[in-house]
Amino acid sequence: MIWIFDIIILVFLVVTALISLQVKDLLSAAMIFGVYSFLMCLLWSGMGAVDVAFTEAAVGAGVSAVFLISTVLRTKRRSSD
């Protein structure tokens, strides 16, 4: 039963990776990156590596995603030139 859970997460990981490569909007790409990191956290915890999963959740899905989204929101869409 657990291997079905792993396969579902791996399929979602591949789908989010492909979507993040294809999307043109930077804000959407940053949010998809956060989803990807959260899915990696689920995969690590499913494999029993709870310390790695906790670090991935805190750094990957938490801090990095927030920094990327805040950076995208603080930049201008058009240049003033």
PDB file of N, CA and C in Angstrom:
ATOM      1  N   MET A   1       0.821  -1.199   0.000  1.00  0.00           N
ATOM      2  CA  MET A   1       0.000   0.000   0.000  1.00  0.00           C
ATOM      3  C   MET A   1       0.862   1.259   0.000  1.00  0.00           C
ATOM      4  N   ILE A   2       1.997   1.215   0.677  1.00  0.00           N
ATOM      5  CA  ILE A   2       2.868   2.382   0.737  1.00  0.00           C
ATOM      6  C   ILE A   2       3.483   2.681  -0.620  1.00  0.00           C
ATOM      7  N   TRP A   3       3.792   1.680  -1.412  1.00  0.00           N
ATOM      8  CA  TRP A   3       4.415   1.918  -2.713  1.00  0.00           C
ATOM      9  C   TRP A   3       3.467   2.643  -3.651  1.00  0.00           C
ATOM     10  N   ILE A   4       2.167   2.483  -3.470  1.00  0.00           N
ATOM     11  CA  ILE A   4       1.201   3.244  -4.279  1.00  0.00           C
ATOM     12  C   ILE A   4       1.296   4.735  -3.927  1.00  0.00           C
ATOM     13  N   PHE A   5       1.441   5.024  -2.640  1.00  0.00           N
ATOM     14  CA  PHE A   5       1.620   6.400  -2.180  1.00  0.00           C
ATOM     15  C   PHE A   5       2.890   7.015  -2.779  1.00  0.00           C
ATOM     16  N   ASP A   6       3.969   6.241  -2.801  1.00  0.00           N
ATOM     17  CA  ASP A   6       5.226   6.722  -3.372  1.00  0.00           C
ATOM     18  C   ASP A   6       5.105   6.990  -4.868  1.00  0.00           C
ATOM     19  N   ILE A   7       4.431   6.110  -5.580  1.00  0.00           N
ATOM     20  CA  ILE A   7       4.262   6.303  -7.020  1.00  0.00           C
ATOM     21  C   ILE A   7       3.405   7.529  -7.319  1.00  0.00           C
ATOM     22  N   ILE A   8       2.362   7.730  -6.542  1.00  0.00           N
ATOM     23  CA  ILE A   8       1.513   8.911  -6.740  1.00  0.00           C
ATOM     24  C   ILE A   8       2.309  10.187  -6.506  1.00  0.00           C
ATOM     25  N   ILE A   9       3.116  10.228  -5.452  1.00  0.00           N
ATOM     26  CA  ILE A   9       3.937  11.416  -5.178  1.00  0.00           C
ATOM     27  C   ILE A   9       4.966  11.620  -6.279  1.00  0.00           C
ATOM     28  N   LEU A  10       5.585  10.547  -6.754  1.00  0.00           N
ATOM     29  CA  LEU A  10       6.566  10.675  -7.831  1.00  0.00           C
ATOM     30  C   LEU A  10       5.929  11.197  -9.118  1.00  0.00           C
ATOM     31  N   VAL A  11       4.717  10.762  -9.425  1.00  0.00           N
ATOM     32  CA  VAL A  11       4.016  11.277 -10.609  1.00  0.00           C
ATOM     33  C   VAL A  11       3.731  12.768 -10.438  1.00  0.00           C
ATOM     34  N   PHE A  12       3.259  13.162  -9.244  1.00  0.00           N
ATOM     35  CA  PHE A  12       3.014  14.586  -8.994  1.00  0.00           C
ATOM     36  C   PHE A  12       4.309  15.395  -9.058  1.00  0.00           C
ATOM     37  N   LEU A  13       5.434  14.815  -8.603  1.00  0.00           N
ATOM     38  CA  LEU A  13       6.719  15.508  -8.678  1.00  0.00           C
ATOM     39  C   LEU A  13       7.121  15.775 -10.127  1.00  0.00           C
ATOM     40  N   VAL A  14       6.976  14.776 -10.967  1.00  0.00           N
ATOM     41  CA  VAL A  14       7.322  14.953 -12.380  1.00  0.00           C
ATOM     42  C   VAL A  14       6.403  15.978 -13.032  1.00  0.00           C
ATOM     43  N   VAL A  15       5.121  15.933 -12.707  1.00  0.00           N
ATOM     44  CA  VAL A  15       4.164  16.884 -13.289  1.00  0.00           C
ATOM     45  C   VAL A  15       4.486  18.308 -12.851  1.00  0.00           C
ATOM     46  N   THR A  16       4.766  18.521 -11.560  1.00  0.00           N
ATOM     47  CA  THR A  16       5.089  19.876 -11.104  1.00  0.00           C
ATOM     48  C   THR A  16       6.412  20.366 -11.684  1.00  0.00           C
ATOM     49  N   ALA A  17       7.377  19.476 -11.857  1.00  0.00           N
ATOM     50  CA  ALA A  17       8.653  19.880 -12.460  1.00  0.00           C
ATOM     51  C   ALA A  17       8.436  20.306 -13.910  1.00  0.00           C
ATOM     52  N   LEU A  18       7.648  19.561 -14.658  1.00  0.00           N
ATOM     53  CA  LEU A  18       7.383  19.928 -16.050  1.00  0.00           C
ATOM     54  C   LEU A  18       6.570  21.214 -16.153  1.00  0.00           C
ATOM     55  N   ILE A  19       5.609  21.375 -15.267  1.00  0.00           N
ATOM     56  CA  ILE A  19       4.814  22.610 -15.280  1.00  0.00           C
ATOM     57  C   ILE A  19       5.679  23.813 -14.944  1.00  0.00           C
ATOM     58  N   SER A  20       6.573  23.668 -13.963  1.00  0.00           N
ATOM     59  CA  SER A  20       7.423  24.809 -13.591  1.00  0.00           C
ATOM     60  C   SER A  20       8.374  25.188 -14.711  1.00  0.00           C
ATOM     61  N   LEU A  21       8.753  24.239 -15.555  1.00  0.00           N
ATOM     62  CA  LEU A  21       9.604  24.560 -16.693  1.00  0.00           C
ATOM     63  C   LEU A  21       8.823  25.228 -17.825  1.00  0.00           C
ATOM     64  N   GLN A  22       7.550  24.947 -17.939  1.00  0.00           N
ATOM     65  CA  GLN A  22       6.752  25.451 -19.048  1.00  0.00           C
ATOM     66  C   GLN A  22       6.062  26.776 -18.754  1.00  0.00           C
ATOM     67  N   VAL A  23       5.850  27.105 -17.504  1.00  0.00           N
ATOM     68  CA  VAL A  23       5.097  28.315 -17.161  1.00  0.00           C
ATOM     69  C   VAL A  23       5.945  29.557 -17.454  1.00  0.00           C
ATOM     70  N   LYS A  24       5.293  30.600 -17.918  1.00  0.00           N
ATOM     71  CA  LYS A  24       6.002  31.834 -18.282  1.00  0.00           C
ATOM     72  C   LYS A  24       6.006  32.881 -17.175  1.00  0.00           C
ATOM     73  N   ASP A  25       5.032  32.819 -16.271  1.00  0.00           N
ATOM     74  CA  ASP A  25       4.922  33.802 -15.201  1.00  0.00           C
ATOM     75  C   ASP A  25       5.840  33.411 -14.040  1.00  0.00           C
ATOM     76  N   LEU A  26       6.645  34.352 -13.564  1.00  0.00           N
ATOM     77  CA  LEU A  26       7.601  34.057 -12.497  1.00  0.00           C
ATOM     78  C   LEU A  26       6.919  33.768 -11.168  1.00  0.00           C
ATOM     79  N   LEU A  27       5.816  34.449 -10.889  1.00  0.00           N
ATOM     80  CA  LEU A  27       5.103  34.204  -9.640  1.00  0.00           C
ATOM     81  C   LEU A  27       4.527  32.792  -9.616  1.00  0.00           C
ATOM     82  N   SER A  28       3.983  32.363 -10.720  1.00  0.00           N
ATOM     83  CA  SER A  28       3.458  30.994 -10.799  1.00  0.00           C
ATOM     84  C   SER A  28       4.583  29.978 -10.656  1.00  0.00           C
ATOM     85  N   ALA A  29       5.713  30.252 -11.260  1.00  0.00           N
ATOM     86  CA  ALA A  29       6.853  29.337 -11.147  1.00  0.00           C
ATOM     87  C   ALA A  29       7.344  29.243  -9.705  1.00  0.00           C
ATOM     88  N   ALA A  30       7.344  30.351  -8.988  1.00  0.00           N
ATOM     89  CA  ALA A  30       7.775  30.338  -7.590  1.00  0.00           C
ATOM     90  C   ALA A  30       6.802  29.549  -6.717  1.00  0.00           C
ATOM     91  N   MET A  31       5.507  29.685  -6.980  1.00  0.00           N
ATOM     92  CA  MET A  31       4.531  28.930  -6.209  1.00  0.00           C
ATOM     93  C   MET A  31       4.596  27.439  -6.528  1.00  0.00           C
ATOM     94  N   ILE A  32       4.826  27.106  -7.784  1.00  0.00           N
ATOM     95  CA  ILE A  32       4.956  25.704  -8.162  1.00  0.00           C
ATOM     96  C   ILE A  32       6.214  25.111  -7.546  1.00  0.00           C
ATOM     97  N   PHE A  33       7.265  25.909  -7.421  1.00  0.00           N
ATOM     98  CA  PHE A  33       8.471  25.458  -6.733  1.00  0.00           C
ATOM     99  C   PHE A  33       8.178  25.115  -5.280  1.00  0.00           C
ATOM    100  N   GLY A  34       7.324  25.902  -4.627  1.00  0.00           N
ATOM    101  CA  GLY A  34       6.921  25.595  -3.250  1.00  0.00           C
ATOM    102  C   GLY A  34       6.149  24.291  -3.163  1.00  0.00           C
ATOM    103  N   VAL A  35       5.284  24.048  -4.134  1.00  0.00           N
ATOM    104  CA  VAL A  35       4.544  22.780  -4.174  1.00  0.00           C
ATOM    105  C   VAL A  35       5.497  21.613  -4.399  1.00  0.00           C
ATOM    106  N   TYR A  36       6.469  21.800  -5.279  1.00  0.00           N
ATOM    107  CA  TYR A  36       7.467  20.764  -5.540  1.00  0.00           C
ATOM    108  C   TYR A  36       8.241  20.434  -4.261  1.00  0.00           C
ATOM    109  N   SER A  37       8.638  21.444  -3.521  1.00  0.00           N
ATOM    110  CA  SER A  37       9.380  21.213  -2.279  1.00  0.00           C
ATOM    111  C   SER A  37       8.516  20.505  -1.244  1.00  0.00           C
ATOM    112  N   PHE A  38       7.227  20.849  -1.197  1.00  0.00           N
ATOM    113  CA  PHE A  38       6.335  20.167  -0.269  1.00  0.00           C
ATOM    114  C   PHE A  38       6.167  18.693  -0.642  1.00  0.00           C
ATOM    115  N   LEU A  39       6.072  18.406  -1.935  1.00  0.00           N
ATOM    116  CA  LEU A  39       5.975  17.016  -2.370  1.00  0.00           C
ATOM    117  C   LEU A  39       7.253  16.246  -2.059  1.00  0.00           C
ATOM    118  N   MET A  40       8.398  16.908  -2.183  1.00  0.00           N
ATOM    119  CA  MET A  40       9.654  16.268  -1.798  1.00  0.00           C
ATOM    120  C   MET A  40       9.671  15.971  -0.299  1.00  0.00           C
ATOM    121  N   CYS A  41       9.096  16.873   0.486  1.00  0.00           N
ATOM    122  CA  CYS A  41       8.994  16.649   1.927  1.00  0.00           C
ATOM    123  C   CYS A  41       8.154  15.406   2.213  1.00  0.00           C
ATOM    124  N   LEU A  42       7.044  15.247   1.506  1.00  0.00           N
ATOM    125  CA  LEU A  42       6.220  14.051   1.684  1.00  0.00           C
ATOM    126  C   LEU A  42       6.967  12.786   1.274  1.00  0.00           C
ATOM    127  N   LEU A  43       7.736  12.880   0.210  1.00  0.00           N
ATOM    128  CA  LEU A  43       8.495  11.719  -0.249  1.00  0.00           C
ATOM    129  C   LEU A  43       9.574  11.332   0.755  1.00  0.00           C
ATOM    130  N   TRP A  44      10.285  12.301   1.293  1.00  0.00           N
ATOM    131  CA  TRP A  44      11.318  12.012   2.291  1.00  0.00           C
ATOM    132  C   TRP A  44      10.704  11.402   3.544  1.00  0.00           C
ATOM    133  N   SER A  45       9.567  11.931   3.970  1.00  0.00           N
ATOM    134  CA  SER A  45       8.948  11.372   5.176  1.00  0.00           C
ATOM    135  C   SER A  45       8.403   9.974   4.910  1.00  0.00           C
ATOM    136  N   GLY A  46       7.948   9.699   3.710  1.00  0.00           N
ATOM    137  CA  GLY A  46       7.498   8.359   3.369  1.00  0.00           C
ATOM    138  C   GLY A  46       8.629   7.347   3.363  1.00  0.00           C
ATOM    139  N   MET A  47       9.844   7.813   3.070  1.00  0.00           N
ATOM    140  CA  MET A  47      10.997   6.926   3.072  1.00  0.00           C
ATOM    141  C   MET A  47      11.608   6.771   4.464  1.00  0.00           C
ATOM    142  N   GLY A  48      11.075   7.506   5.433  1.00  0.00           N
ATOM    143  CA  GLY A  48      11.566   7.363   6.805  1.00  0.00           C
ATOM    144  C   GLY A  48      12.637   8.350   7.194  1.00  0.00           C
ATOM    145  N   ALA A  49      12.999   9.268   6.318  1.00  0.00           N
ATOM    146  CA  ALA A  49      14.020  10.273   6.625  1.00  0.00           C
ATOM    147  C   ALA A  49      13.330  11.531   7.150  1.00  0.00           C
ATOM    148  N   VAL A  50      12.906  11.463   8.406  1.00  0.00           N
ATOM    149  CA  VAL A  50      12.106  12.541   8.981  1.00  0.00           C
ATOM    150  C   VAL A  50      12.918  13.819   9.141  1.00  0.00           C
ATOM    151  N   ASP A  51      14.203  13.715   9.471  1.00  0.00           N
ATOM    152  CA  ASP A  51      15.026  14.904   9.635  1.00  0.00           C
ATOM    153  C   ASP A  51      15.221  15.634   8.306  1.00  0.00           C
ATOM    154  N   VAL A  52      15.403  14.885   7.235  1.00  0.00           N
ATOM    155  CA  VAL A  52      15.542  15.499   5.911  1.00  0.00           C
ATOM    156  C   VAL A  52      14.205  16.101   5.468  1.00  0.00           C
ATOM    157  N   ALA A  53      13.111  15.415   5.773  1.00  0.00           N
ATOM    158  CA  ALA A  53      11.782  15.931   5.424  1.00  0.00           C
ATOM    159  C   ALA A  53      11.485  17.231   6.167  1.00  0.00           C
ATOM    160  N   PHE A  54      11.851  17.288   7.438  1.00  0.00           N
ATOM    161  CA  PHE A  54      11.631  18.509   8.211  1.00  0.00           C
ATOM    162  C   PHE A  54      12.461  19.666   7.659  1.00  0.00           C
ATOM    163  N   THR A  55      13.700  19.396   7.289  1.00  0.00           N
ATOM    164  CA  THR A  55      14.551  20.437   6.705  1.00  0.00           C
ATOM    165  C   THR A  55      14.007  20.891   5.361  1.00  0.00           C
ATOM    166  N   GLU A  56      13.536  19.959   4.549  1.00  0.00           N
ATOM    167  CA  GLU A  56      12.956  20.308   3.250  1.00  0.00           C
ATOM    168  C   GLU A  56      11.697  21.155   3.421  1.00  0.00           C
ATOM    169  N   ALA A  57      10.886  20.817   4.416  1.00  0.00           N
ATOM    170  CA  ALA A  57       9.674  21.591   4.666  1.00  0.00           C
ATOM    171  C   ALA A  57      10.007  22.994   5.146  1.00  0.00           C
ATOM    172  N   ALA A  58      10.984  23.101   6.031  1.00  0.00           N
ATOM    173  CA  ALA A  58      11.316  24.411   6.588  1.00  0.00           C
ATOM    174  C   ALA A  58      12.039  25.295   5.587  1.00  0.00           C
ATOM    175  N   VAL A  59      13.019  24.729   4.901  1.00  0.00           N
ATOM    176  CA  VAL A  59      13.844  25.532   4.000  1.00  0.00           C
ATOM    177  C   VAL A  59      13.267  25.581   2.597  1.00  0.00           C
ATOM    178  N   GLY A  60      12.973  24.427   2.030  1.00  0.00           N
ATOM    179  CA  GLY A  60      12.520  24.367   0.645  1.00  0.00           C
ATOM    180  C   GLY A  60      11.132  24.922   0.441  1.00  0.00           C
ATOM    181  N   ALA A  61      10.155  24.371   1.144  1.00  0.00           N
ATOM    182  CA  ALA A  61       8.776  24.799   0.955  1.00  0.00           C
ATOM    183  C   ALA A  61       8.466  26.070   1.733  1.00  0.00           C
ATOM    184  N   GLY A  62       9.216  26.347   2.771  1.00  0.00           N
ATOM    185  CA  GLY A  62       8.925  27.509   3.602  1.00  0.00           C
ATOM    186  C   GLY A  62       9.698  28.750   3.215  1.00  0.00           C
ATOM    187  N   VAL A  63      10.936  28.796   3.614  1.00  0.00           N
ATOM    188  CA  VAL A  63      11.741  30.011   3.483  1.00  0.00           C
ATOM    189  C   VAL A  63      12.055  30.344   2.024  1.00  0.00           C
ATOM    190  N   SER A  64      12.502  29.365   1.253  1.00  0.00           N
ATOM    191  CA  SER A  64      12.875  29.637  -0.143  1.00  0.00           C
ATOM    192  C   SER A  64      11.679  30.088  -0.976  1.00  0.00           C
ATOM    193  N   ALA A  65      10.547  29.430  -0.791  1.00  0.00           N
ATOM    194  CA  ALA A  65       9.356  29.812  -1.545  1.00  0.00           C
ATOM    195  C   ALA A  65       8.895  31.223  -1.165  1.00  0.00           C
ATOM    196  N   VAL A  66       8.943  31.547   0.105  1.00  0.00           N
ATOM    197  CA  VAL A  66       8.547  32.891   0.544  1.00  0.00           C
ATOM    198  C   VAL A  66       9.505  33.938  -0.007  1.00  0.00           C
ATOM    199  N   PHE A  67      10.803  33.663   0.017  1.00  0.00           N
ATOM    200  CA  PHE A  67      11.775  34.604  -0.540  1.00  0.00           C
ATOM    201  C   PHE A  67      11.575  34.801  -2.036  1.00  0.00           C
ATOM    202  N   LEU A  68      11.340  33.719  -2.767  1.00  0.00           N
ATOM    203  CA  LEU A  68      11.122  33.840  -4.213  1.00  0.00           C
ATOM    204  C   LEU A  68       9.855  34.615  -4.523  1.00  0.00           C
ATOM    205  N   ILE A  69       8.778  34.329  -3.831  1.00  0.00           N
ATOM    206  CA  ILE A  69       7.514  35.029  -4.079  1.00  0.00           C
ATOM    207  C   ILE A  69       7.627  36.497  -3.708  1.00  0.00           C
ATOM    208  N   SER A  70       8.270  36.812  -2.581  1.00  0.00           N
ATOM    209  CA  SER A  70       8.412  38.216  -2.197  1.00  0.00           C
ATOM    210  C   SER A  70       9.330  38.971  -3.158  1.00  0.00           C
ATOM    211  N   THR A  71      10.341  38.313  -3.694  1.00  0.00           N
ATOM    212  CA  THR A  71      11.217  38.955  -4.671  1.00  0.00           C
ATOM    213  C   THR A  71      10.470  39.240  -5.963  1.00  0.00           C
ATOM    214  N   VAL A  72       9.672  38.301  -6.406  1.00  0.00           N
ATOM    215  CA  VAL A  72       8.900  38.512  -7.632  1.00  0.00           C
ATOM    216  C   VAL A  72       7.885  39.632  -7.437  1.00  0.00           C
ATOM    217  N   LEU A  73       7.262  39.692  -6.273  1.00  0.00           N
ATOM    218  CA  LEU A  73       6.263  40.735  -6.027  1.00  0.00           C
ATOM    219  C   LEU A  73       6.888  42.123  -5.897  1.00  0.00           C
ATOM    220  N   ARG A  74       8.150  42.200  -5.482  1.00  0.00           N
ATOM    221  CA  ARG A  74       8.802  43.501  -5.317  1.00  0.00           C
ATOM    222  C   ARG A  74       9.440  44.016  -6.599  1.00  0.00           C
ATOM    223  N   THR A  75       9.531  43.196  -7.616  1.00  0.00           N
ATOM    224  CA  THR A  75      10.079  43.657  -8.891  1.00  0.00           C
ATOM    225  C   THR A  75       8.967  44.234  -9.749  1.00  0.00           C
ATOM    226  N   LYS A  76       9.360  45.107 -10.673  1.00  0.00           N
ATOM    227  CA  LYS A  76       8.392  45.730 -11.571  1.00  0.00           C
ATOM    228  C   LYS A  76       8.266  44.894 -12.824  1.00  0.00           C
ATOM    229  N   ARG A  77       7.080  44.922 -13.414  1.00  0.00           N
ATOM    230  CA  ARG A  77       6.844  44.167 -14.638  1.00  0.00           C
ATOM    231  C   ARG A  77       7.480  44.859 -15.847  1.00  0.00           C
ATOM    232  N   ARG A  78       7.475  46.145 -15.851  1.00  0.00           N
ATOM    233  CA  ARG A  78       8.019  46.918 -16.975  1.00  0.00           C
ATOM    234  C   ARG A  78       9.175  47.778 -16.487  1.00  0.00           C
ATOM    235  N   SER A  79      10.141  48.003 -17.348  1.00  0.00           N
ATOM    236  CA  SER A  79      11.252  48.864 -16.976  1.00  0.00           C
ATOM    237  C   SER A  79      10.849  50.327 -17.150  1.00  0.00           C
ATOM    238  N   SER A  80      11.531  51.206 -16.469  1.00  0.00           N
ATOM    239  CA  SER A  80      11.212  52.629 -16.541  1.00  0.00           C
ATOM    240  C   SER A  80      12.026  53.341 -17.607  1.00  0.00           C
ATOM    241  N   ASP A  81      12.740  52.621 -18.444  1.00  0.00           N
ATOM    242  CA  ASP A  81      13.570  53.228 -19.491  1.00  0.00           C
ATOM    243  C   ASP A  81      12.742  53.769 -20.627  1.00  0.00           C
TER     244      ASP A  81
END
